[in-house]
């Protein structure tokens, strides 16, 4: 029997059924996500309670993490493209 010796903060996306099979994704804390997004940890906690916006991983009763790939996808969906033109 072999033991998976990958660090706990990495997980194969293929293990979770994500289409990006074979890629490794880092697990981030709510504080990490707050720093990346500019959202408050309280907002993230509300969203978890409401089960909206950013998917999360519940590792234990009080242990929640976010996959880096989910954060990247969430940010990509919010990207607003701009075009140069005559409008101010």
PDB file of N, CA and C in Angstrom:
ATOM      1  N   UNK A   1       0.839  -1.178   0.000  1.00  0.00           N
ATOM      2  CA  UNK A   1       0.000   0.000   0.000  1.00  0.00           C
ATOM      3  C   UNK A   1       0.884   1.241   0.000  1.00  0.00           C
ATOM      4  N   UNK A   2       0.593   2.181  -0.910  1.00  0.00           N
ATOM      5  CA  UNK A   2       1.371   3.407  -0.972  1.00  0.00           C
ATOM      6  C   UNK A   2       0.628   4.527  -0.257  1.00  0.00           C
ATOM      7  N   UNK A   3       1.393   5.436   0.288  1.00  0.00           N
ATOM      8  CA  UNK A   3       0.823   6.572   0.997  1.00  0.00           C
ATOM      9  C   UNK A   3       1.052   7.831   0.178  1.00  0.00           C
ATOM     10  N   UNK A   4       0.020   8.634   0.046  1.00  0.00           N
ATOM     11  CA  UNK A   4       0.141   9.900  -0.666  1.00  0.00           C
ATOM     12  C   UNK A   4       0.884  10.882   0.225  1.00  0.00           C
ATOM     13  N   UNK A   5       2.063  11.310  -0.208  1.00  0.00           N
ATOM     14  CA  UNK A   5       2.883  12.198   0.603  1.00  0.00           C
ATOM     15  C   UNK A   5       2.846  13.643   0.112  1.00  0.00           C
ATOM     16  N   UNK A   6       1.817  14.000  -0.652  1.00  0.00           N
ATOM     17  CA  UNK A   6       1.693  15.393  -1.076  1.00  0.00           C
ATOM     18  C   UNK A   6       1.405  16.259   0.143  1.00  0.00           C
ATOM     19  N   UNK A   7       1.905  17.501   0.154  1.00  0.00           N
ATOM     20  CA  UNK A   7       1.581  18.399   1.272  1.00  0.00           C
ATOM     21  C   UNK A   7       0.074  18.573   1.385  1.00  0.00           C
ATOM     22  N   UNK A   8      -0.407  18.785   2.608  1.00  0.00           N
ATOM     23  CA  UNK A   8      -1.835  18.914   2.853  1.00  0.00           C
ATOM     24  C   UNK A   8      -2.476  20.058   2.097  1.00  0.00           C
ATOM     25  N   UNK A   9      -1.723  21.119   1.781  1.00  0.00           N
ATOM     26  CA  UNK A   9      -2.336  22.269   1.129  1.00  0.00           C
ATOM     27  C   UNK A   9      -2.407  22.118  -0.390  1.00  0.00           C
ATOM     28  N   UNK A  10      -2.002  20.957  -0.919  1.00  0.00           N
ATOM     29  CA  UNK A  10      -2.138  20.691  -2.338  1.00  0.00           C
ATOM     30  C   UNK A  10      -3.067  19.516  -2.547  1.00  0.00           C
ATOM     31  N   UNK A  11      -3.825  19.589  -3.629  1.00  0.00           N
ATOM     32  CA  UNK A  11      -4.757  18.523  -3.935  1.00  0.00           C
ATOM     33  C   UNK A  11      -4.911  18.461  -5.444  1.00  0.00           C
ATOM     34  N   UNK A  12      -4.979  17.279  -5.985  1.00  0.00           N
ATOM     35  CA  UNK A  12      -5.178  17.139  -7.418  1.00  0.00           C
ATOM     36  C   UNK A  12      -6.598  17.502  -7.766  1.00  0.00           C
ATOM     37  N   UNK A  13      -6.785  18.384  -8.740  1.00  0.00           N
ATOM     38  CA  UNK A  13      -8.126  18.742  -9.174  1.00  0.00           C
ATOM     39  C   UNK A  13      -8.887  17.516  -9.667  1.00  0.00           C
ATOM     40  N   UNK A  14      -8.184  16.547 -10.237  1.00  0.00           N
ATOM     41  CA  UNK A  14      -8.865  15.359 -10.735  1.00  0.00           C
ATOM     42  C   UNK A  14      -9.491  14.570  -9.591  1.00  0.00           C
ATOM     43  N   UNK A  15      -8.958  14.713  -8.365  1.00  0.00           N
ATOM     44  CA  UNK A  15      -9.546  14.048  -7.207  1.00  0.00           C
ATOM     45  C   UNK A  15     -10.926  14.602  -6.899  1.00  0.00           C
ATOM     46  N   UNK A  16     -11.168  15.865  -7.273  1.00  0.00           N
ATOM     47  CA  UNK A  16     -12.423  16.518  -6.931  1.00  0.00           C
ATOM     48  C   UNK A  16     -13.385  16.567  -8.106  1.00  0.00           C
ATOM     49  N   UNK A  17     -13.022  15.958  -9.230  1.00  0.00           N
ATOM     50  CA  UNK A  17     -13.902  15.942 -10.376  1.00  0.00           C
ATOM     51  C   UNK A  17     -13.816  17.196 -11.227  1.00  0.00           C
ATOM     52  N   UNK A  18     -12.854  18.057 -10.978  1.00  0.00           N
ATOM     53  CA  UNK A  18     -12.684  19.276 -11.755  1.00  0.00           C
ATOM     54  C   UNK A  18     -12.197  18.932 -13.152  1.00  0.00           C
ATOM     55  N   UNK A  19     -12.616  19.727 -14.132  1.00  0.00           N
ATOM     56  CA  UNK A  19     -12.244  19.473 -15.521  1.00  0.00           C
ATOM     57  C   UNK A  19     -10.757  19.680 -15.766  1.00  0.00           C
ATOM     58  N   UNK A  20     -10.069  20.426 -14.927  1.00  0.00           N
ATOM     59  CA  UNK A  20      -8.643  20.681 -15.089  1.00  0.00           C
ATOM     60  C   UNK A  20      -7.834  19.523 -14.527  1.00  0.00           C
ATOM     61  N   UNK A  21      -8.118  18.323 -14.955  1.00  0.00           N
ATOM     62  CA  UNK A  21      -7.467  17.158 -14.362  1.00  0.00           C
ATOM     63  C   UNK A  21      -5.963  17.218 -14.532  1.00  0.00           C
ATOM     64  N   UNK A  22      -5.275  16.740 -13.512  1.00  0.00           N
ATOM     65  CA  UNK A  22      -3.831  16.699 -13.543  1.00  0.00           C
ATOM     66  C   UNK A  22      -3.168  17.927 -12.969  1.00  0.00           C
ATOM     67  N   UNK A  23      -3.907  18.994 -12.738  1.00  0.00           N
ATOM     68  CA  UNK A  23      -3.328  20.206 -12.170  1.00  0.00           C
ATOM     69  C   UNK A  23      -3.396  20.158 -10.657  1.00  0.00           C
ATOM     70  N   UNK A  24      -2.391  20.733 -10.027  1.00  0.00           N
ATOM     71  CA  UNK A  24      -2.399  20.844  -8.569  1.00  0.00           C
ATOM     72  C   UNK A  24      -2.947  22.214  -8.212  1.00  0.00           C
ATOM     73  N   UNK A  25      -3.702  22.280  -7.136  1.00  0.00           N
ATOM     74  CA  UNK A  25      -4.234  23.569  -6.699  1.00  0.00           C
ATOM     75  C   UNK A  25      -3.946  23.743  -5.218  1.00  0.00           C
ATOM     76  N   UNK A  26      -3.574  24.936  -4.858  1.00  0.00           N
ATOM     77  CA  UNK A  26      -3.245  25.240  -3.467  1.00  0.00           C
ATOM     78  C   UNK A  26      -4.521  25.527  -2.695  1.00  0.00           C
ATOM     79  N   UNK A  27      -4.584  25.095  -1.451  1.00  0.00           N
ATOM     80  CA  UNK A  27      -5.711  25.407  -0.583  1.00  0.00           C
ATOM     81  C   UNK A  27      -5.360  26.640   0.232  1.00  0.00           C
ATOM     82  N   UNK A  28      -6.252  27.639   0.188  1.00  0.00           N
ATOM     83  CA  UNK A  28      -6.022  28.922   0.835  1.00  0.00           C
ATOM     84  C   UNK A  28      -6.962  29.113   2.019  1.00  0.00           C
ATOM     85  N   UNK A  29      -6.511  29.854   3.004  1.00  0.00           N
ATOM     86  CA  UNK A  29      -7.362  30.202   4.146  1.00  0.00           C
ATOM     87  C   UNK A  29      -8.264  31.373   3.749  1.00  0.00           C
ATOM     88  N   UNK A  30      -9.264  31.650   4.579  1.00  0.00           N
ATOM     89  CA  UNK A  30     -10.138  32.800   4.348  1.00  0.00           C
ATOM     90  C   UNK A  30      -9.324  34.096   4.383  1.00  0.00           C
ATOM     91  N   UNK A  31      -8.331  34.162   5.264  1.00  0.00           N
ATOM     92  CA  UNK A  31      -7.474  35.356   5.323  1.00  0.00           C
ATOM     93  C   UNK A  31      -6.674  35.526   4.035  1.00  0.00           C
ATOM     94  N   UNK A  32      -6.197  34.410   3.466  1.00  0.00           N
ATOM     95  CA  UNK A  32      -5.485  34.469   2.182  1.00  0.00           C
ATOM     96  C   UNK A  32      -6.401  35.028   1.096  1.00  0.00           C
ATOM     97  N   UNK A  33      -7.625  34.508   1.038  1.00  0.00           N
ATOM     98  CA  UNK A  33      -8.584  34.933   0.019  1.00  0.00           C
ATOM     99  C   UNK A  33      -8.965  36.396   0.227  1.00  0.00           C
ATOM    100  N   UNK A  34      -9.127  36.798   1.470  1.00  0.00           N
ATOM    101  CA  UNK A  34      -9.445  38.195   1.771  1.00  0.00           C
ATOM    102  C   UNK A  34      -8.334  39.108   1.263  1.00  0.00           C
ATOM    103  N   UNK A  35      -7.106  38.708   1.463  1.00  0.00           N
ATOM    104  CA  UNK A  35      -5.967  39.518   1.003  1.00  0.00           C
ATOM    105  C   UNK A  35      -5.922  39.584  -0.521  1.00  0.00           C
ATOM    106  N   UNK A  36      -6.188  38.473  -1.184  1.00  0.00           N
ATOM    107  CA  UNK A  36      -6.146  38.424  -2.652  1.00  0.00           C
ATOM    108  C   UNK A  36      -7.265  39.251  -3.265  1.00  0.00           C
ATOM    109  N   UNK A  37      -8.471  39.142  -2.706  1.00  0.00           N
ATOM    110  CA  UNK A  37      -9.654  39.752  -3.316  1.00  0.00           C
ATOM    111  C   UNK A  37      -9.986  41.143  -2.791  1.00  0.00           C
ATOM    112  N   UNK A  38      -9.493  41.470  -1.607  1.00  0.00           N
ATOM    113  CA  UNK A  38      -9.863  42.736  -0.984  1.00  0.00           C
ATOM    114  C   UNK A  38     -11.182  42.648  -0.221  1.00  0.00           C
ATOM    115  N   UNK A  39     -11.767  41.464  -0.182  1.00  0.00           N
ATOM    116  CA  UNK A  39     -12.989  41.245   0.599  1.00  0.00           C
ATOM    117  C   UNK A  39     -12.606  41.018   2.051  1.00  0.00           C
ATOM    118  N   UNK A  40     -13.537  41.244   2.952  1.00  0.00           N
ATOM    119  CA  UNK A  40     -13.241  40.982   4.361  1.00  0.00           C
ATOM    120  C   UNK A  40     -13.494  39.511   4.686  1.00  0.00           C
ATOM    121  N   UNK A  41     -12.787  38.980   5.693  1.00  0.00           N
ATOM    122  CA  UNK A  41     -13.059  37.607   6.131  1.00  0.00           C
ATOM    123  C   UNK A  41     -14.526  37.436   6.565  1.00  0.00           C
ATOM    124  N   UNK A  42     -15.130  38.511   7.082  1.00  0.00           N
ATOM    125  CA  UNK A  42     -16.535  38.449   7.493  1.00  0.00           C
ATOM    126  C   UNK A  42     -17.450  38.260   6.291  1.00  0.00           C
ATOM    127  N   UNK A  43     -17.143  38.938   5.193  1.00  0.00           N
ATOM    128  CA  UNK A  43     -17.920  38.765   3.965  1.00  0.00           C
ATOM    129  C   UNK A  43     -17.804  37.334   3.463  1.00  0.00           C
ATOM    130  N   UNK A  44     -16.598  36.801   3.484  1.00  0.00           N
ATOM    131  CA  UNK A  44     -16.396  35.418   3.054  1.00  0.00           C
ATOM    132  C   UNK A  44     -17.178  34.453   3.946  1.00  0.00           C
ATOM    133  N   UNK A  45     -17.195  34.716   5.256  1.00  0.00           N
ATOM    134  CA  UNK A  45     -17.949  33.868   6.186  1.00  0.00           C
ATOM    135  C   UNK A  45     -19.443  33.929   5.874  1.00  0.00           C
ATOM    136  N   UNK A  46     -19.945  35.133   5.571  1.00  0.00           N
ATOM    137  CA  UNK A  46     -21.363  35.275   5.201  1.00  0.00           C
ATOM    138  C   UNK A  46     -21.666  34.496   3.938  1.00  0.00           C
ATOM    139  N   UNK A  47     -20.796  34.620   2.950  1.00  0.00           N
ATOM    140  CA  UNK A  47     -21.006  33.905   1.693  1.00  0.00           C
ATOM    141  C   UNK A  47     -20.993  32.398   1.918  1.00  0.00           C
ATOM    142  N   UNK A  48     -20.108  31.911   2.809  1.00  0.00           N
ATOM    143  CA  UNK A  48     -20.095  30.470   3.103  1.00  0.00           C
ATOM    144  C   UNK A  48     -21.417  30.053   3.726  1.00  0.00           C
ATOM    145  N   UNK A  49     -21.911  30.849   4.667  1.00  0.00           N
ATOM    146  CA  UNK A  49     -23.162  30.536   5.341  1.00  0.00           C
ATOM    147  C   UNK A  49     -24.320  30.520   4.346  1.00  0.00           C
ATOM    148  N   UNK A  50     -24.304  31.461   3.394  1.00  0.00           N
ATOM    149  CA  UNK A  50     -25.339  31.545   2.368  1.00  0.00           C
ATOM    150  C   UNK A  50     -25.087  30.591   1.202  1.00  0.00           C
ATOM    151  N   UNK A  51     -23.913  29.967   1.205  1.00  0.00           N
ATOM    152  CA  UNK A  51     -23.481  29.064   0.123  1.00  0.00           C
ATOM    153  C   UNK A  51     -23.571  29.756  -1.237  1.00  0.00           C
ATOM    154  N   UNK A  52     -22.938  30.927  -1.326  1.00  0.00           N
ATOM    155  CA  UNK A  52     -22.940  31.679  -2.580  1.00  0.00           C
ATOM    156  C   UNK A  52     -21.540  32.171  -2.932  1.00  0.00           C
ATOM    157  N   UNK A  53     -21.386  32.554  -4.147  1.00  0.00           N
ATOM    158  CA  UNK A  53     -20.180  33.170  -4.709  1.00  0.00           C
ATOM    159  C   UNK A  53     -19.008  32.207  -4.893  1.00  0.00           C
ATOM    160  N   UNK A  54     -18.143  32.054  -3.910  1.00  0.00           N
ATOM    161  CA  UNK A  54     -16.907  31.283  -4.080  1.00  0.00           C
ATOM    162  C   UNK A  54     -17.051  29.909  -3.436  1.00  0.00           C
ATOM    163  N   UNK A  55     -16.833  28.826  -4.211  1.00  0.00           N
ATOM    164  CA  UNK A  55     -16.873  27.487  -3.610  1.00  0.00           C
ATOM    165  C   UNK A  55     -15.776  27.346  -2.547  1.00  0.00           C
ATOM    166  N   UNK A  56     -16.036  26.515  -1.549  1.00  0.00           N
ATOM    167  CA  UNK A  56     -15.045  26.300  -0.492  1.00  0.00           C
ATOM    168  C   UNK A  56     -15.006  24.825  -0.124  1.00  0.00           C
ATOM    169  N   UNK A  57     -13.957  24.461   0.591  1.00  0.00           N
ATOM    170  CA  UNK A  57     -13.753  23.081   1.039  1.00  0.00           C
ATOM    171  C   UNK A  57     -13.834  23.074   2.554  1.00  0.00           C
ATOM    172  N   UNK A  58     -14.695  22.251   3.101  1.00  0.00           N
ATOM    173  CA  UNK A  58     -14.797  22.127   4.553  1.00  0.00           C
ATOM    174  C   UNK A  58     -13.972  20.902   4.958  1.00  0.00           C
ATOM    175  N   UNK A  59     -12.846  21.147   5.623  1.00  0.00           N
ATOM    176  CA  UNK A  59     -11.953  20.070   6.046  1.00  0.00           C
ATOM    177  C   UNK A  59     -12.300  19.556   7.442  1.00  0.00           C
ATOM    178  N   UNK A  60     -13.036  20.335   8.181  1.00  0.00           N
ATOM    179  CA  UNK A  60     -13.441  19.969   9.538  1.00  0.00           C
ATOM    180  C   UNK A  60     -14.519  20.924   9.998  1.00  0.00           C
ATOM    181  N   UNK A  61     -14.967  20.759  11.225  1.00  0.00           N
ATOM    182  CA  UNK A  61     -16.056  21.581  11.736  1.00  0.00           C
ATOM    183  C   UNK A  61     -15.740  23.078  11.657  1.00  0.00           C
ATOM    184  N   UNK A  62     -14.507  23.434  11.958  1.00  0.00           N
ATOM    185  CA  UNK A  62     -14.109  24.846  11.937  1.00  0.00           C
ATOM    186  C   UNK A  62     -12.948  25.119  10.988  1.00  0.00           C
ATOM    187  N   UNK A  63     -12.707  24.196  10.077  1.00  0.00           N
ATOM    188  CA  UNK A  63     -11.576  24.345   9.155  1.00  0.00           C
ATOM    189  C   UNK A  63     -12.090  24.430   7.716  1.00  0.00           C
ATOM    190  N   UNK A  64     -11.980  25.618   7.145  1.00  0.00           N
ATOM    191  CA  UNK A  64     -12.453  25.871   5.787  1.00  0.00           C
ATOM    192  C   UNK A  64     -11.286  26.363   4.949  1.00  0.00           C
ATOM    193  N   UNK A  65     -11.218  25.889   3.725  1.00  0.00           N
ATOM    194  CA  UNK A  65     -10.195  26.337   2.786  1.00  0.00           C
ATOM    195  C   UNK A  65     -10.840  26.611   1.440  1.00  0.00           C
ATOM    196  N   UNK A  66     -10.132  27.386   0.634  1.00  0.00           N
ATOM    197  CA  UNK A  66     -10.565  27.702  -0.721  1.00  0.00           C
ATOM    198  C   UNK A  66      -9.502  27.198  -1.684  1.00  0.00           C
ATOM    199  N   UNK A  67      -9.930  26.600  -2.792  1.00  0.00           N
ATOM    200  CA  UNK A  67      -8.967  26.161  -3.800  1.00  0.00           C
ATOM    201  C   UNK A  67      -8.531  27.356  -4.633  1.00  0.00           C
ATOM    202  N   UNK A  68      -7.239  27.464  -4.861  1.00  0.00           N
ATOM    203  CA  UNK A  68      -6.696  28.556  -5.679  1.00  0.00           C
ATOM    204  C   UNK A  68      -7.380  28.579  -7.035  1.00  0.00           C
ATOM    205  N   UNK A  69      -7.628  27.421  -7.619  1.00  0.00           N
ATOM    206  CA  UNK A  69      -8.263  27.358  -8.941  1.00  0.00           C
ATOM    207  C   UNK A  69      -9.673  27.948  -8.909  1.00  0.00           C
ATOM    208  N   UNK A  70     -10.411  27.778  -7.805  1.00  0.00           N
ATOM    209  CA  UNK A  70     -11.749  28.366  -7.689  1.00  0.00           C
ATOM    210  C   UNK A  70     -11.677  29.879  -7.555  1.00  0.00           C
ATOM    211  N   UNK A  71     -10.678  30.370  -6.833  1.00  0.00           N
ATOM    212  CA  UNK A  71     -10.495  31.816  -6.698  1.00  0.00           C
ATOM    213  C   UNK A  71     -10.156  32.416  -8.064  1.00  0.00           C
ATOM    214  N   UNK A  72      -9.243  31.764  -8.779  1.00  0.00           N
ATOM    215  CA  UNK A  72      -8.862  32.245 -10.118  1.00  0.00           C
ATOM    216  C   UNK A  72     -10.075  32.278 -11.047  1.00  0.00           C
ATOM    217  N   UNK A  73     -10.896  31.230 -11.023  1.00  0.00           N
ATOM    218  CA  UNK A  73     -12.088  31.173 -11.872  1.00  0.00           C
ATOM    219  C   UNK A  73     -13.084  32.256 -11.472  1.00  0.00           C
ATOM    220  N   UNK A  74     -13.265  32.473 -10.181  1.00  0.00           N
ATOM    221  CA  UNK A  74     -14.188  33.494  -9.684  1.00  0.00           C
ATOM    222  C   UNK A  74     -13.748  34.878 -10.153  1.00  0.00           C
ATOM    223  N   UNK A  75     -12.455  35.151 -10.054  1.00  0.00           N
ATOM    224  CA  UNK A  75     -11.924  36.443 -10.500  1.00  0.00           C
ATOM    225  C   UNK A  75     -12.069  36.603 -12.015  1.00  0.00           C
ATOM    226  N   UNK A  76     -11.823  35.541 -12.762  1.00  0.00           N
ATOM    227  CA  UNK A  76     -11.944  35.585 -14.218  1.00  0.00           C
ATOM    228  C   UNK A  76     -13.371  35.908 -14.636  1.00  0.00           C
ATOM    229  N   UNK A  77     -14.362  35.332 -13.945  1.00  0.00           N
ATOM    230  CA  UNK A  77     -15.767  35.607 -14.265  1.00  0.00           C
ATOM    231  C   UNK A  77     -16.138  37.061 -13.999  1.00  0.00           C
ATOM    232  N   UNK A  78     -15.395  37.737 -13.155  1.00  0.00           N
ATOM    233  CA  UNK A  78     -15.687  39.122 -12.821  1.00  0.00           C
ATOM    234  C   UNK A  78     -14.868  40.128 -13.628  1.00  0.00           C
ATOM    235  N   UNK A  79     -14.070  39.625 -14.525  1.00  0.00           N
ATOM    236  CA  UNK A  79     -13.244  40.496 -15.354  1.00  0.00           C
ATOM    237  C   UNK A  79     -14.124  41.313 -16.297  1.00  0.00           C
ATOM    238  N   UNK A  80     -13.956  42.603 -16.265  1.00  0.00           N
ATOM    239  CA  UNK A  80     -14.699  43.515 -17.132  1.00  0.00           C
ATOM    240  C   UNK A  80     -13.739  43.981 -18.217  1.00  0.00           C
ATOM    241  N   UNK A  81     -14.074  43.675 -19.463  1.00  0.00           N
ATOM    242  CA  UNK A  81     -13.200  44.112 -20.551  1.00  0.00           C
ATOM    243  C   UNK A  81     -13.547  45.545 -20.911  1.00  0.00           C
ATOM    244  N   UNK A  82     -12.537  46.282 -21.301  1.00  0.00           N
ATOM    245  CA  UNK A  82     -12.722  47.679 -21.691  1.00  0.00           C
ATOM    246  C   UNK A  82     -12.173  47.872 -23.092  1.00  0.00           C
ATOM    247  N   UNK A  83     -12.760  48.800 -23.798  1.00  0.00           N
ATOM    248  CA  UNK A  83     -12.271  49.120 -25.141  1.00  0.00           C
ATOM    249  C   UNK A  83     -11.957  50.601 -25.183  1.00  0.00           C
ATOM    250  N   UNK A  84     -10.964  50.943 -25.934  1.00  0.00           N
ATOM    251  CA  UNK A  84     -10.649  52.371 -26.067  1.00  0.00           C
ATOM    252  C   UNK A  84     -11.608  52.972 -27.082  1.00  0.00           C
ATOM    253  N   UNK A  85     -11.944  54.186 -26.847  1.00  0.00           N
ATOM    254  CA  UNK A  85     -12.885  54.851 -27.745  1.00  0.00           C
ATOM    255  C   UNK A  85     -13.017  56.313 -27.378  1.00  0.00           C
ATOM    256  N   UNK A  86     -14.005  56.961 -27.951  1.00  0.00           N
ATOM    257  CA  UNK A  86     -14.204  58.381 -27.733  1.00  0.00           C
ATOM    258  C   UNK A  86     -14.937  58.694 -26.437  1.00  0.00           C
ATOM    259  N   UNK A  87     -15.563  57.716 -25.829  1.00  0.00           N
ATOM    260  CA  UNK A  87     -16.331  57.957 -24.613  1.00  0.00           C
ATOM    261  C   UNK A  87     -15.396  58.165 -23.420  1.00  0.00           C
ATOM    262  N   UNK A  88     -15.739  59.119 -22.556  1.00  0.00           N
ATOM    263  CA  UNK A  88     -14.872  59.386 -21.390  1.00  0.00           C
ATOM    264  C   UNK A  88     -14.880  58.272 -20.396  1.00  0.00           C
TER     265      UNK A  88
END
